[in-house]
Each structure stands twice: as structure tokens, then as C-alpha cells.
Amino acid sequence: MIEKSIDGVTFLVFEKLLPFDGLMHTVTTRSGGVSSGAYRSLNLGLGTGDEDENVIKNYGLVSRALGFELSLLAAAKQVH
């Protein structure tokens, strides 16, 4: 696992997935972001109680840090 930080956004890259040409993958951490209060972090969870505007801004931070157009993002919904 490789940990990187760009413009205050910290993310993880897994070496076993690096050979796939044209695929960018990462797992973000909660470091950075514009959310405040109980959600003070890089909250990427719509529907969590955080302001949608903050979550969308956080997604913008991630896309700029990683150098991709936000419209190309593929994300998963994690259920515990």
C-alpha cells in the first residue's frame, strides 16, 4: 500500500491494482475536507447528515488532487 497526500487530500493506492492500464483507483482517508462539526473531515457521504454542499465540495477536492474530471468518478456505497 502506498500512502500519498496532494493538496491536503490523503489517499491510499494498492500496488496489486497498479498493472491495470487506464484504471485509476484509490481509497481516501478522512484527512482534509471542508465539512465541519461532527463531520469535520473529508466526508464523502451524501445522506449522512452533513450538508450536501460540503460533501460535493469534498468530492471536488478529491478530483482536483487526483487530476480527474469529477463527472468520471465511479464510487461505491458501503453498507455495514
N, C-alpha and C. Protein backbone atom coordinates (compact mmCIF):
# COMPACT_ATOMS: atom_id res chain seq x y z
N MET A 1 0.85 -1.17 0.00
CA MET A 1 0.00 0.00 0.00
C MET A 1 0.89 1.23 0.00
N ILE A 2 0.52 2.20 -0.81
CA ILE A 2 1.26 3.46 -0.90
C ILE A 2 0.33 4.56 -0.39
N GLU A 3 0.81 5.36 0.56
CA GLU A 3 0.03 6.50 1.06
C GLU A 3 0.58 7.77 0.44
N LYS A 4 -0.32 8.59 -0.12
CA LYS A 4 0.07 9.85 -0.75
C LYS A 4 -0.82 10.97 -0.22
N SER A 5 -0.30 12.18 -0.30
CA SER A 5 -1.10 13.34 0.08
C SER A 5 -0.85 14.44 -0.95
N ILE A 6 -1.93 14.97 -1.53
CA ILE A 6 -1.86 16.05 -2.51
C ILE A 6 -2.88 17.10 -2.10
N ASP A 7 -2.45 18.32 -1.95
CA ASP A 7 -3.35 19.44 -1.61
C ASP A 7 -4.22 19.13 -0.39
N GLY A 8 -3.66 18.47 0.61
CA GLY A 8 -4.39 18.18 1.84
C GLY A 8 -5.29 16.96 1.79
N VAL A 9 -5.36 16.30 0.63
CA VAL A 9 -6.17 15.09 0.49
C VAL A 9 -5.22 13.89 0.58
N THR A 10 -5.44 13.04 1.59
CA THR A 10 -4.61 11.85 1.77
C THR A 10 -5.37 10.64 1.23
N PHE A 11 -4.66 9.82 0.47
CA PHE A 11 -5.30 8.66 -0.14
C PHE A 11 -4.33 7.50 -0.21
N LEU A 12 -4.87 6.31 -0.40
CA LEU A 12 -4.10 5.07 -0.44
C LEU A 12 -4.23 4.45 -1.82
N VAL A 13 -3.12 3.90 -2.31
CA VAL A 13 -3.09 3.19 -3.59
C VAL A 13 -2.53 1.79 -3.31
N PHE A 14 -3.14 0.78 -3.89
CA PHE A 14 -2.72 -0.59 -3.65
C PHE A 14 -1.93 -1.12 -4.84
N GLU A 15 -0.71 -1.57 -4.58
CA GLU A 15 0.21 -1.99 -5.63
C GLU A 15 -0.36 -3.07 -6.53
N LYS A 16 -1.14 -3.99 -6.00
CA LYS A 16 -1.66 -5.10 -6.80
C LYS A 16 -2.61 -4.63 -7.89
N LEU A 17 -3.15 -3.42 -7.76
CA LEU A 17 -4.06 -2.89 -8.77
C LEU A 17 -3.36 -1.98 -9.77
N LEU A 18 -2.08 -1.72 -9.58
CA LEU A 18 -1.35 -0.81 -10.47
C LEU A 18 -1.21 -1.31 -11.91
N PRO A 19 -1.15 -2.63 -12.17
CA PRO A 19 -0.94 -3.07 -13.55
C PRO A 19 -2.09 -2.81 -14.52
N PHE A 20 -3.24 -2.38 -14.05
CA PHE A 20 -4.39 -2.19 -14.92
C PHE A 20 -4.31 -0.84 -15.62
N ASP A 21 -3.87 -0.86 -16.88
CA ASP A 21 -3.74 0.38 -17.66
C ASP A 21 -5.08 1.09 -17.78
N GLY A 22 -5.05 2.40 -17.60
CA GLY A 22 -6.24 3.21 -17.77
C GLY A 22 -7.17 3.24 -16.57
N LEU A 23 -6.83 2.50 -15.52
CA LEU A 23 -7.65 2.46 -14.32
C LEU A 23 -6.97 3.24 -13.21
N MET A 24 -7.66 4.24 -12.70
CA MET A 24 -7.15 4.94 -11.52
C MET A 24 -7.96 4.43 -10.34
N HIS A 25 -7.30 4.08 -9.30
CA HIS A 25 -8.01 3.62 -8.11
C HIS A 25 -7.38 4.27 -6.89
N THR A 26 -8.18 4.47 -5.87
CA THR A 26 -7.67 4.98 -4.61
C THR A 26 -8.72 4.79 -3.53
N VAL A 27 -8.26 4.83 -2.32
CA VAL A 27 -9.13 4.87 -1.15
C VAL A 27 -8.73 6.13 -0.41
N THR A 28 -9.68 7.02 -0.17
CA THR A 28 -9.36 8.25 0.53
C THR A 28 -9.38 8.01 2.03
N THR A 29 -8.69 8.89 2.74
CA THR A 29 -8.80 8.92 4.20
C THR A 29 -9.72 10.08 4.55
N ARG A 30 -9.93 10.32 5.82
CA ARG A 30 -10.80 11.42 6.24
C ARG A 30 -10.02 12.72 6.41
N SER A 31 -8.74 12.71 6.08
CA SER A 31 -7.88 13.89 6.21
C SER A 31 -8.31 15.01 5.28
N GLY A 32 -8.42 16.22 5.80
CA GLY A 32 -8.75 17.38 4.97
C GLY A 32 -10.24 17.58 4.85
N GLY A 33 -10.65 18.28 3.84
CA GLY A 33 -12.07 18.48 3.57
C GLY A 33 -12.62 19.76 4.16
N VAL A 34 -13.84 20.09 3.78
CA VAL A 34 -14.48 21.33 4.20
C VAL A 34 -15.62 21.10 5.19
N SER A 35 -15.95 19.87 5.48
CA SER A 35 -17.05 19.59 6.41
C SER A 35 -16.68 20.06 7.81
N SER A 36 -17.71 20.38 8.60
CA SER A 36 -17.44 20.90 9.94
C SER A 36 -18.29 20.17 10.97
N GLY A 37 -18.11 20.54 12.22
CA GLY A 37 -18.86 19.94 13.32
C GLY A 37 -18.55 18.45 13.44
N ALA A 38 -19.59 17.67 13.63
CA ALA A 38 -19.42 16.22 13.78
C ALA A 38 -18.85 15.57 12.53
N TYR A 39 -18.94 16.25 11.39
CA TYR A 39 -18.47 15.70 10.11
C TYR A 39 -17.15 16.32 9.68
N ARG A 40 -16.46 17.01 10.58
CA ARG A 40 -15.22 17.71 10.25
C ARG A 40 -14.20 16.73 9.67
N SER A 41 -14.10 16.75 8.36
CA SER A 41 -13.20 15.83 7.67
C SER A 41 -13.46 15.94 6.17
N LEU A 42 -12.89 15.00 5.46
CA LEU A 42 -13.15 14.85 4.03
C LEU A 42 -14.34 13.90 3.90
N ASN A 43 -15.48 14.32 4.40
CA ASN A 43 -16.67 13.48 4.37
C ASN A 43 -17.17 13.36 2.94
N LEU A 44 -17.31 12.13 2.45
CA LEU A 44 -17.80 11.87 1.10
C LEU A 44 -19.14 11.14 1.12
N GLY A 45 -19.83 11.25 2.24
CA GLY A 45 -21.10 10.53 2.40
C GLY A 45 -22.32 11.41 2.28
N LEU A 46 -22.95 11.40 1.12
CA LEU A 46 -24.25 12.07 0.99
C LEU A 46 -25.26 11.29 1.82
N GLY A 47 -26.17 11.99 2.47
CA GLY A 47 -27.17 11.32 3.28
C GLY A 47 -26.70 10.97 4.67
N THR A 48 -25.57 11.54 5.10
CA THR A 48 -25.03 11.24 6.43
C THR A 48 -25.48 12.26 7.47
N GLY A 49 -26.09 13.34 7.02
CA GLY A 49 -26.43 14.43 7.93
C GLY A 49 -25.57 15.65 7.69
N ASP A 50 -24.47 15.48 6.99
CA ASP A 50 -23.61 16.60 6.60
C ASP A 50 -24.34 17.37 5.50
N GLU A 51 -24.00 18.62 5.34
CA GLU A 51 -24.58 19.44 4.27
C GLU A 51 -24.15 18.88 2.92
N ASP A 52 -25.08 18.65 2.01
CA ASP A 52 -24.76 18.13 0.68
C ASP A 52 -23.72 19.01 -0.01
N GLU A 53 -23.83 20.33 0.16
CA GLU A 53 -22.87 21.27 -0.45
C GLU A 53 -21.44 20.97 0.00
N ASN A 54 -21.25 20.63 1.28
CA ASN A 54 -19.91 20.30 1.78
C ASN A 54 -19.40 19.01 1.17
N VAL A 55 -20.27 18.01 1.08
CA VAL A 55 -19.87 16.72 0.51
C VAL A 55 -19.46 16.90 -0.95
N ILE A 56 -20.23 17.67 -1.70
CA ILE A 56 -19.91 17.91 -3.10
C ILE A 56 -18.59 18.67 -3.23
N LYS A 57 -18.35 19.64 -2.36
CA LYS A 57 -17.06 20.34 -2.36
C LYS A 57 -15.93 19.38 -2.05
N ASN A 58 -16.15 18.44 -1.12
CA ASN A 58 -15.12 17.45 -0.79
C ASN A 58 -14.80 16.57 -1.99
N TYR A 59 -15.84 16.17 -2.74
CA TYR A 59 -15.59 15.40 -3.96
C TYR A 59 -14.78 16.22 -4.95
N GLY A 60 -15.03 17.51 -5.02
CA GLY A 60 -14.26 18.39 -5.89
C GLY A 60 -12.80 18.44 -5.48
N LEU A 61 -12.53 18.47 -4.16
CA LEU A 61 -11.16 18.46 -3.66
C LEU A 61 -10.44 17.18 -4.10
N VAL A 62 -11.13 16.05 -3.98
CA VAL A 62 -10.54 14.77 -4.38
C VAL A 62 -10.25 14.76 -5.88
N SER A 63 -11.20 15.19 -6.69
CA SER A 63 -10.98 15.15 -8.14
C SER A 63 -9.83 16.06 -8.56
N ARG A 64 -9.73 17.23 -7.95
CA ARG A 64 -8.61 18.13 -8.29
C ARG A 64 -7.27 17.55 -7.83
N ALA A 65 -7.23 16.99 -6.62
CA ALA A 65 -5.99 16.42 -6.09
C ALA A 65 -5.50 15.27 -6.95
N LEU A 66 -6.43 14.47 -7.45
CA LEU A 66 -6.05 13.29 -8.23
C LEU A 66 -6.02 13.54 -9.73
N GLY A 67 -6.46 14.73 -10.14
CA GLY A 67 -6.34 15.12 -11.55
C GLY A 67 -7.33 14.45 -12.48
N PHE A 68 -8.60 14.31 -12.07
CA PHE A 68 -9.60 13.76 -12.98
C PHE A 68 -10.85 14.62 -12.92
N GLU A 69 -11.65 14.52 -13.97
CA GLU A 69 -12.92 15.23 -14.02
C GLU A 69 -13.92 14.55 -13.08
N LEU A 70 -14.56 15.33 -12.25
CA LEU A 70 -15.50 14.77 -11.28
C LEU A 70 -16.59 13.94 -11.94
N SER A 71 -16.98 14.31 -13.15
CA SER A 71 -18.04 13.56 -13.85
C SER A 71 -17.62 12.13 -14.20
N LEU A 72 -16.33 11.81 -14.12
CA LEU A 72 -15.84 10.47 -14.44
C LEU A 72 -15.72 9.56 -13.22
N LEU A 73 -16.06 10.08 -12.05
CA LEU A 73 -15.91 9.33 -10.81
C LEU A 73 -16.87 8.14 -10.76
N ALA A 74 -16.35 7.01 -10.36
CA ALA A 74 -17.18 5.84 -10.04
C ALA A 74 -16.98 5.57 -8.55
N ALA A 75 -18.04 5.55 -7.80
CA ALA A 75 -17.94 5.36 -6.36
C ALA A 75 -18.87 4.22 -5.95
N ALA A 76 -18.60 3.67 -4.79
CA ALA A 76 -19.43 2.58 -4.26
C ALA A 76 -20.10 3.05 -2.97
N LYS A 77 -21.22 2.46 -2.66
CA LYS A 77 -21.88 2.73 -1.39
C LYS A 77 -21.57 1.55 -0.46
N GLN A 78 -20.94 1.87 0.64
CA GLN A 78 -20.54 0.83 1.58
C GLN A 78 -21.64 0.64 2.62
N VAL A 79 -22.05 -0.59 2.83
CA VAL A 79 -23.06 -0.91 3.84
C VAL A 79 -22.42 -1.82 4.86
N HIS A 80 -22.59 -1.49 6.12
CA HIS A 80 -22.02 -2.32 7.20
C HIS A 80 -23.06 -3.26 7.74
